[in-house]
All heavy atoms as atom14 arrays in JSON, in Angstrom:
{
  "sequence": "RGRPGAGVLNLFAYTGGASLACAAAGAVVTHVDSARS",
  "atom14_mask": [
    [1, 1, 1, 1, 1, 1, 1, 1, 1, 1, 1, 0, 0, 0],
    [1, 1, 1, 1, 0, 0, 0, 0, 0, 0, 0, 0, 0, 0],
    [1, 1, 1, 1, 1, 1, 1, 1, 1, 1, 1, 0, 0, 0],
    [1, 1, 1, 1, 1, 1, 1, 0, 0, 0, 0, 0, 0, 0],
    [1, 1, 1, 1, 0, 0, 0, 0, 0, 0, 0, 0, 0, 0],
    [1, 1, 1, 1, 1, 0, 0, 0, 0, 0, 0, 0, 0, 0],
    [1, 1, 1, 1, 0, 0, 0, 0, 0, 0, 0, 0, 0, 0],
    [1, 1, 1, 1, 1, 1, 1, 0, 0, 0, 0, 0, 0, 0],
    [1, 1, 1, 1, 1, 1, 1, 1, 0, 0, 0, 0, 0, 0],
    [1, 1, 1, 1, 1, 1, 1, 1, 0, 0, 0, 0, 0, 0],
    [1, 1, 1, 1, 1, 1, 1, 1, 0, 0, 0, 0, 0, 0],
    [1, 1, 1, 1, 1, 1, 1, 1, 1, 1, 1, 0, 0, 0],
    [1, 1, 1, 1, 1, 0, 0, 0, 0, 0, 0, 0, 0, 0],
    [1, 1, 1, 1, 1, 1, 1, 1, 1, 1, 1, 1, 0, 0],
    [1, 1, 1, 1, 1, 1, 1, 0, 0, 0, 0, 0, 0, 0],
    [1, 1, 1, 1, 0, 0, 0, 0, 0, 0, 0, 0, 0, 0],
    [1, 1, 1, 1, 0, 0, 0, 0, 0, 0, 0, 0, 0, 0],
    [1, 1, 1, 1, 1, 0, 0, 0, 0, 0, 0, 0, 0, 0],
    [1, 1, 1, 1, 1, 1, 0, 0, 0, 0, 0, 0, 0, 0],
    [1, 1, 1, 1, 1, 1, 1, 1, 0, 0, 0, 0, 0, 0],
    [1, 1, 1, 1, 1, 0, 0, 0, 0, 0, 0, 0, 0, 0],
    [1, 1, 1, 1, 1, 1, 0, 0, 0, 0, 0, 0, 0, 0],
    [1, 1, 1, 1, 1, 0, 0, 0, 0, 0, 0, 0, 0, 0],
    [1, 1, 1, 1, 1, 0, 0, 0, 0, 0, 0, 0, 0, 0],
    [1, 1, 1, 1, 1, 0, 0, 0, 0, 0, 0, 0, 0, 0],
    [1, 1, 1, 1, 0, 0, 0, 0, 0, 0, 0, 0, 0, 0],
    [1, 1, 1, 1, 1, 0, 0, 0, 0, 0, 0, 0, 0, 0],
    [1, 1, 1, 1, 1, 1, 1, 0, 0, 0, 0, 0, 0, 0],
    [1, 1, 1, 1, 1, 1, 1, 0, 0, 0, 0, 0, 0, 0],
    [1, 1, 1, 1, 1, 1, 1, 0, 0, 0, 0, 0, 0, 0],
    [1, 1, 1, 1, 1, 1, 1, 1, 1, 1, 0, 0, 0, 0],
    [1, 1, 1, 1, 1, 1, 1, 0, 0, 0, 0, 0, 0, 0],
    [1, 1, 1, 1, 1, 1, 1, 1, 0, 0, 0, 0, 0, 0],
    [1, 1, 1, 1, 1, 1, 0, 0, 0, 0, 0, 0, 0, 0],
    [1, 1, 1, 1, 1, 0, 0, 0, 0, 0, 0, 0, 0, 0],
    [1, 1, 1, 1, 1, 1, 1, 1, 1, 1, 1, 0, 0, 0],
    [1, 1, 1, 1, 1, 1, 0, 0, 0, 0, 0, 0, 0, 0]
  ],
  "atom14_positions": [
    [[105.47, 89.01, 108.26], [104.96, 87.78, 107.63], [104.16, 86.93, 108.6], [103.37, 86.09, 108.2], [106.1, 86.98, 107.0], [106.65, 87.63, 105.74], [107.55, 86.72, 104.94], [107.95, 87.37, 103.71], [109.13, 87.91, 103.48], [110.07, 87.89, 104.42], [109.41, 88.49, 102.32], [0.0, 0.0, 0.0], [0.0, 0.0, 0.0], [0.0, 0.0, 0.0]],
    [[104.35, 87.15, 109.89], [103.57, 86.43, 110.88], [102.21, 87.04, 111.14], [101.41, 86.48, 111.9], [0.0, 0.0, 0.0], [0.0, 0.0, 0.0], [0.0, 0.0, 0.0], [0.0, 0.0, 0.0], [0.0, 0.0, 0.0], [0.0, 0.0, 0.0], [0.0, 0.0, 0.0], [0.0, 0.0, 0.0], [0.0, 0.0, 0.0], [0.0, 0.0, 0.0]],
    [[101.92, 88.21, 110.49], [100.65, 88.89, 110.72], [100.17, 89.51, 109.41], [100.31, 90.72, 109.19], [100.8, 89.95, 111.8], [99.43, 90.46, 112.31], [99.6, 91.5, 113.4], [100.27, 90.98, 114.59], [100.55, 91.71, 115.65], [100.27, 93.01, 115.66], [101.16, 91.18, 116.71], [0.0, 0.0, 0.0], [0.0, 0.0, 0.0], [0.0, 0.0, 0.0]],
    [[99.61, 88.73, 108.51], [99.12, 89.24, 107.23], [98.09, 90.37, 107.46], [97.25, 90.29, 108.35], [98.46, 88.04, 106.57], [99.09, 86.85, 107.23], [99.38, 87.27, 108.64], [0.0, 0.0, 0.0], [0.0, 0.0, 0.0], [0.0, 0.0, 0.0], [0.0, 0.0, 0.0], [0.0, 0.0, 0.0], [0.0, 0.0, 0.0], [0.0, 0.0, 0.0]],
    [[98.19, 91.42, 106.63], [97.26, 92.54, 106.76], [97.59, 93.52, 107.86], [96.79, 94.4, 108.15], [0.0, 0.0, 0.0], [0.0, 0.0, 0.0], [0.0, 0.0, 0.0], [0.0, 0.0, 0.0], [0.0, 0.0, 0.0], [0.0, 0.0, 0.0], [0.0, 0.0, 0.0], [0.0, 0.0, 0.0], [0.0, 0.0, 0.0], [0.0, 0.0, 0.0]],
    [[98.78, 93.38, 108.48], [99.18, 94.31, 109.53], [99.26, 95.73, 108.98], [99.61, 95.94, 107.84], [100.54, 93.89, 110.11], [0.0, 0.0, 0.0], [0.0, 0.0, 0.0], [0.0, 0.0, 0.0], [0.0, 0.0, 0.0], [0.0, 0.0, 0.0], [0.0, 0.0, 0.0], [0.0, 0.0, 0.0], [0.0, 0.0, 0.0], [0.0, 0.0, 0.0]],
    [[98.93, 96.69, 109.84], [98.97, 98.1, 109.45], [100.31, 98.72, 109.78], [100.82, 98.6, 110.89], [0.0, 0.0, 0.0], [0.0, 0.0, 0.0], [0.0, 0.0, 0.0], [0.0, 0.0, 0.0], [0.0, 0.0, 0.0], [0.0, 0.0, 0.0], [0.0, 0.0, 0.0], [0.0, 0.0, 0.0], [0.0, 0.0, 0.0], [0.0, 0.0, 0.0]],
    [[100.91, 99.4, 108.79], [102.2, 100.06, 108.97], [102.07, 101.53, 108.59], [101.51, 101.85, 107.54], [103.3, 99.39, 108.12], [104.61, 100.2, 108.2], [103.56, 97.97, 108.57], [0.0, 0.0, 0.0], [0.0, 0.0, 0.0], [0.0, 0.0, 0.0], [0.0, 0.0, 0.0], [0.0, 0.0, 0.0], [0.0, 0.0, 0.0], [0.0, 0.0, 0.0]],
    [[102.59, 102.42, 109.44], [102.62, 103.85, 109.16], [104.05, 104.24, 108.83], [104.96, 104.02, 109.61], [102.12, 104.63, 110.36], [102.21, 106.17, 110.28], [101.34, 106.68, 109.15], [101.81, 106.8, 111.61], [0.0, 0.0, 0.0], [0.0, 0.0, 0.0], [0.0, 0.0, 0.0], [0.0, 0.0, 0.0], [0.0, 0.0, 0.0], [0.0, 0.0, 0.0]],
    [[104.26, 104.83, 107.64], [105.58, 105.25, 107.21], [105.55, 106.78, 107.07], [104.91, 107.33, 106.18], [105.92, 104.58, 105.88], [107.36, 104.83, 105.45], [108.16, 105.38, 106.23], [107.72, 104.42, 104.25], [0.0, 0.0, 0.0], [0.0, 0.0, 0.0], [0.0, 0.0, 0.0], [0.0, 0.0, 0.0], [0.0, 0.0, 0.0], [0.0, 0.0, 0.0]],
    [[106.24, 107.47, 107.99], [106.26, 108.92, 108.02], [107.53, 109.46, 107.38], [108.6, 108.89, 107.54], [106.17, 109.43, 109.46], [104.92, 109.05, 110.24], [105.06, 109.48, 111.71], [103.67, 109.7, 109.62], [0.0, 0.0, 0.0], [0.0, 0.0, 0.0], [0.0, 0.0, 0.0], [0.0, 0.0, 0.0], [0.0, 0.0, 0.0], [0.0, 0.0, 0.0]],
    [[107.42, 110.58, 106.65], [108.48, 111.11, 105.83], [108.94, 110.02, 104.86], [110.12, 109.74, 104.69], [109.69, 111.58, 106.69], [109.31, 112.55, 107.79], [109.12, 112.1, 109.09], [109.14, 113.89, 107.54], [108.8, 112.96, 110.1], [108.82, 114.78, 108.56], [108.61, 114.31, 109.84], [0.0, 0.0, 0.0], [0.0, 0.0, 0.0], [0.0, 0.0, 0.0]],
    [[107.97, 109.44, 104.2], [108.17, 108.18, 103.48], [108.9, 108.33, 102.15], [109.32, 107.34, 101.57], [106.82, 107.5, 103.26], [0.0, 0.0, 0.0], [0.0, 0.0, 0.0], [0.0, 0.0, 0.0], [0.0, 0.0, 0.0], [0.0, 0.0, 0.0], [0.0, 0.0, 0.0], [0.0, 0.0, 0.0], [0.0, 0.0, 0.0], [0.0, 0.0, 0.0]],
    [[108.97, 109.54, 101.61], [109.69, 109.85, 100.39], [109.27, 108.93, 99.24], [108.08, 108.78, 98.96], [111.19, 109.89, 100.64], [111.94, 110.68, 99.61], [111.63, 112.01, 99.36], [112.99, 110.11, 98.88], [112.31, 112.75, 98.41], [113.68, 110.84, 97.94], [113.34, 112.17, 97.68], [114.0, 112.88, 96.74], [0.0, 0.0, 0.0], [0.0, 0.0, 0.0]],
    [[110.22, 108.29, 98.58], [109.88, 107.51, 97.38], [109.47, 106.07, 97.67], [109.29, 105.28, 96.77], [111.06, 107.5, 96.4], [112.23, 107.04, 97.06], [111.3, 108.91, 95.86], [0.0, 0.0, 0.0], [0.0, 0.0, 0.0], [0.0, 0.0, 0.0], [0.0, 0.0, 0.0], [0.0, 0.0, 0.0], [0.0, 0.0, 0.0], [0.0, 0.0, 0.0]],
    [[109.33, 105.73, 98.97], [108.59, 104.54, 99.33], [109.3, 103.23, 99.36], [108.66, 102.16, 99.26], [0.0, 0.0, 0.0], [0.0, 0.0, 0.0], [0.0, 0.0, 0.0], [0.0, 0.0, 0.0], [0.0, 0.0, 0.0], [0.0, 0.0, 0.0], [0.0, 0.0, 0.0], [0.0, 0.0, 0.0], [0.0, 0.0, 0.0], [0.0, 0.0, 0.0]],
    [[110.62, 103.22, 99.54], [111.31, 101.95, 99.65], [110.81, 101.08, 100.79], [110.47, 99.91, 100.61], [0.0, 0.0, 0.0], [0.0, 0.0, 0.0], [0.0, 0.0, 0.0], [0.0, 0.0, 0.0], [0.0, 0.0, 0.0], [0.0, 0.0, 0.0], [0.0, 0.0, 0.0], [0.0, 0.0, 0.0], [0.0, 0.0, 0.0], [0.0, 0.0, 0.0]],
    [[110.71, 101.66, 101.98], [110.2, 100.91, 103.14], [108.72, 100.56, 102.96], [108.29, 99.49, 103.38], [110.41, 101.71, 104.42], [0.0, 0.0, 0.0], [0.0, 0.0, 0.0], [0.0, 0.0, 0.0], [0.0, 0.0, 0.0], [0.0, 0.0, 0.0], [0.0, 0.0, 0.0], [0.0, 0.0, 0.0], [0.0, 0.0, 0.0], [0.0, 0.0, 0.0]],
    [[107.96, 101.45, 102.35], [106.54, 101.15, 102.1], [106.41, 99.92, 101.21], [105.6, 99.02, 101.47], [105.87, 102.35, 101.41], [105.88, 103.5, 102.23], [0.0, 0.0, 0.0], [0.0, 0.0, 0.0], [0.0, 0.0, 0.0], [0.0, 0.0, 0.0], [0.0, 0.0, 0.0], [0.0, 0.0, 0.0], [0.0, 0.0, 0.0], [0.0, 0.0, 0.0]],
    [[107.22, 99.85, 100.17], [107.16, 98.71, 99.26], [107.64, 97.43, 99.93], [107.04, 96.35, 99.75], [108.03, 98.98, 98.03], [107.39, 99.9, 96.98], [108.42, 100.32, 95.94], [106.26, 99.16, 96.27], [0.0, 0.0, 0.0], [0.0, 0.0, 0.0], [0.0, 0.0, 0.0], [0.0, 0.0, 0.0], [0.0, 0.0, 0.0], [0.0, 0.0, 0.0]],
    [[108.7, 97.53, 100.75], [109.2, 96.33, 101.43], [108.14, 95.76, 102.37], [107.95, 94.56, 102.42], [110.47, 96.67, 102.21], [0.0, 0.0, 0.0], [0.0, 0.0, 0.0], [0.0, 0.0, 0.0], [0.0, 0.0, 0.0], [0.0, 0.0, 0.0], [0.0, 0.0, 0.0], [0.0, 0.0, 0.0], [0.0, 0.0, 0.0], [0.0, 0.0, 0.0]],
    [[107.43, 96.65, 103.09], [106.38, 96.17, 103.99], [105.19, 95.63, 103.23], [104.63, 94.59, 103.61], [105.97, 97.31, 104.94], [107.23, 97.79, 106.13], [0.0, 0.0, 0.0], [0.0, 0.0, 0.0], [0.0, 0.0, 0.0], [0.0, 0.0, 0.0], [0.0, 0.0, 0.0], [0.0, 0.0, 0.0], [0.0, 0.0, 0.0], [0.0, 0.0, 0.0]],
    [[104.77, 96.33, 102.19], [103.65, 95.83, 101.39], [103.96, 94.51, 100.74], [103.08, 93.65, 100.61], [103.26, 96.86, 100.34], [0.0, 0.0, 0.0], [0.0, 0.0, 0.0], [0.0, 0.0, 0.0], [0.0, 0.0, 0.0], [0.0, 0.0, 0.0], [0.0, 0.0, 0.0], [0.0, 0.0, 0.0], [0.0, 0.0, 0.0], [0.0, 0.0, 0.0]],
    [[105.23, 94.3, 100.34], [105.6, 93.04, 99.74], [105.46, 91.88, 100.72], [105.27, 90.72, 100.31], [107.04, 93.1, 99.22], [0.0, 0.0, 0.0], [0.0, 0.0, 0.0], [0.0, 0.0, 0.0], [0.0, 0.0, 0.0], [0.0, 0.0, 0.0], [0.0, 0.0, 0.0], [0.0, 0.0, 0.0], [0.0, 0.0, 0.0], [0.0, 0.0, 0.0]],
    [[105.54, 92.18, 102.02], [105.37, 91.16, 103.06], [103.91, 91.03, 103.51], [103.62, 90.33, 104.48], [106.24, 91.49, 104.27], [0.0, 0.0, 0.0], [0.0, 0.0, 0.0], [0.0, 0.0, 0.0], [0.0, 0.0, 0.0], [0.0, 0.0, 0.0], [0.0, 0.0, 0.0], [0.0, 0.0, 0.0], [0.0, 0.0, 0.0], [0.0, 0.0, 0.0]],
    [[102.99, 91.73, 102.83], [101.57, 91.58, 103.11], [100.96, 92.65, 103.96], [99.77, 92.59, 104.34], [0.0, 0.0, 0.0], [0.0, 0.0, 0.0], [0.0, 0.0, 0.0], [0.0, 0.0, 0.0], [0.0, 0.0, 0.0], [0.0, 0.0, 0.0], [0.0, 0.0, 0.0], [0.0, 0.0, 0.0], [0.0, 0.0, 0.0], [0.0, 0.0, 0.0]],
    [[101.72, 93.72, 104.28], [101.19, 94.78, 105.15], [100.31, 95.74, 104.36], [100.41, 95.86, 103.13], [102.34, 95.55, 105.76], [0.0, 0.0, 0.0], [0.0, 0.0, 0.0], [0.0, 0.0, 0.0], [0.0, 0.0, 0.0], [0.0, 0.0, 0.0], [0.0, 0.0, 0.0], [0.0, 0.0, 0.0], [0.0, 0.0, 0.0], [0.0, 0.0, 0.0]],
    [[99.44, 96.43, 105.09], [98.68, 97.56, 104.55], [99.36, 98.81, 105.05], [99.39, 99.09, 106.25], [97.2, 97.49, 105.01], [96.44, 98.71, 104.51], [96.55, 96.2, 104.52], [0.0, 0.0, 0.0], [0.0, 0.0, 0.0], [0.0, 0.0, 0.0], [0.0, 0.0, 0.0], [0.0, 0.0, 0.0], [0.0, 0.0, 0.0], [0.0, 0.0, 0.0]],
    [[99.95, 99.59, 104.12], [100.85, 100.68, 104.48], [100.18, 102.03, 104.24], [99.58, 102.26, 103.2], [102.14, 100.6, 103.65], [103.1, 101.74, 104.05], [102.82, 99.25, 103.83], [0.0, 0.0, 0.0], [0.0, 0.0, 0.0], [0.0, 0.0, 0.0], [0.0, 0.0, 0.0], [0.0, 0.0, 0.0], [0.0, 0.0, 0.0], [0.0, 0.0, 0.0]],
    [[100.3, 102.91, 105.23], [99.93, 104.31, 105.08], [101.21, 105.11, 104.92], [102.02, 105.2, 105.82], [99.14, 104.82, 106.3], [97.93, 104.05, 106.43], [98.76, 106.28, 106.13], [0.0, 0.0, 0.0], [0.0, 0.0, 0.0], [0.0, 0.0, 0.0], [0.0, 0.0, 0.0], [0.0, 0.0, 0.0], [0.0, 0.0, 0.0], [0.0, 0.0, 0.0]],
    [[101.39, 105.64, 103.7], [102.63, 106.31, 103.28], [102.38, 107.81, 103.34], [101.56, 108.35, 102.61], [102.94, 105.85, 101.85], [104.04, 106.55, 101.16], [105.22, 105.94, 100.8], [104.15, 107.84, 100.72], [105.99, 106.8, 100.19], [105.37, 107.96, 100.11], [0.0, 0.0, 0.0], [0.0, 0.0, 0.0], [0.0, 0.0, 0.0], [0.0, 0.0, 0.0]],
    [[103.1, 108.52, 104.25], [102.86, 109.94, 104.48], [104.11, 110.75, 104.12], [105.2, 110.51, 104.67], [102.48, 110.21, 105.94], [102.23, 111.7, 106.15], [101.25, 109.42, 106.34], [0.0, 0.0, 0.0], [0.0, 0.0, 0.0], [0.0, 0.0, 0.0], [0.0, 0.0, 0.0], [0.0, 0.0, 0.0], [0.0, 0.0, 0.0], [0.0, 0.0, 0.0]],
    [[103.93, 111.69, 103.19], [104.97, 112.63, 102.86], [104.3, 113.93, 102.42], [103.27, 113.89, 101.74], [105.88, 112.12, 101.76], [107.2, 112.89, 101.69], [107.21, 114.05, 101.24], [108.25, 112.33, 102.11], [0.0, 0.0, 0.0], [0.0, 0.0, 0.0], [0.0, 0.0, 0.0], [0.0, 0.0, 0.0], [0.0, 0.0, 0.0], [0.0, 0.0, 0.0]],
    [[104.85, 115.07, 102.84], [104.18, 116.33, 102.55], [104.27, 116.73, 101.07], [103.49, 117.55, 100.62], [104.74, 117.45, 103.43], [106.11, 117.67, 103.12], [0.0, 0.0, 0.0], [0.0, 0.0, 0.0], [0.0, 0.0, 0.0], [0.0, 0.0, 0.0], [0.0, 0.0, 0.0], [0.0, 0.0, 0.0], [0.0, 0.0, 0.0], [0.0, 0.0, 0.0]],
    [[105.21, 116.14, 100.33], [105.42, 116.52, 98.93], [104.64, 115.6, 98.01], [104.9, 114.4, 97.92], [106.9, 116.45, 98.59], [0.0, 0.0, 0.0], [0.0, 0.0, 0.0], [0.0, 0.0, 0.0], [0.0, 0.0, 0.0], [0.0, 0.0, 0.0], [0.0, 0.0, 0.0], [0.0, 0.0, 0.0], [0.0, 0.0, 0.0], [0.0, 0.0, 0.0]],
    [[103.65, 116.15, 97.31], [102.86, 115.36, 96.37], [103.73, 114.75, 95.25], [103.45, 113.64, 94.79], [101.76, 116.22, 95.75], [100.71, 116.66, 96.74], [99.58, 117.43, 96.09], [98.62, 117.91, 97.05], [97.64, 117.2, 97.58], [97.48, 115.96, 97.19], [96.82, 117.72, 98.48], [0.0, 0.0, 0.0], [0.0, 0.0, 0.0], [0.0, 0.0, 0.0]],
    [[104.76, 115.47, 94.86], [105.59, 114.99, 93.77], [106.31, 113.69, 94.13], [106.39, 112.75, 93.33], [106.62, 116.04, 93.35], [107.45, 116.4, 94.46], [0.0, 0.0, 0.0], [0.0, 0.0, 0.0], [0.0, 0.0, 0.0], [0.0, 0.0, 0.0], [0.0, 0.0, 0.0], [0.0, 0.0, 0.0], [0.0, 0.0, 0.0], [0.0, 0.0, 0.0]]
  ]
}
């Protein structure tokens, strides 16, 4: 929250709980998982 637009890399991100938590705080998240599903 002290750095709006911060970039976050989430590896083995699965269904994206951490991705959503970071995006909710204003981050730009790169969510990486090998499974398209």
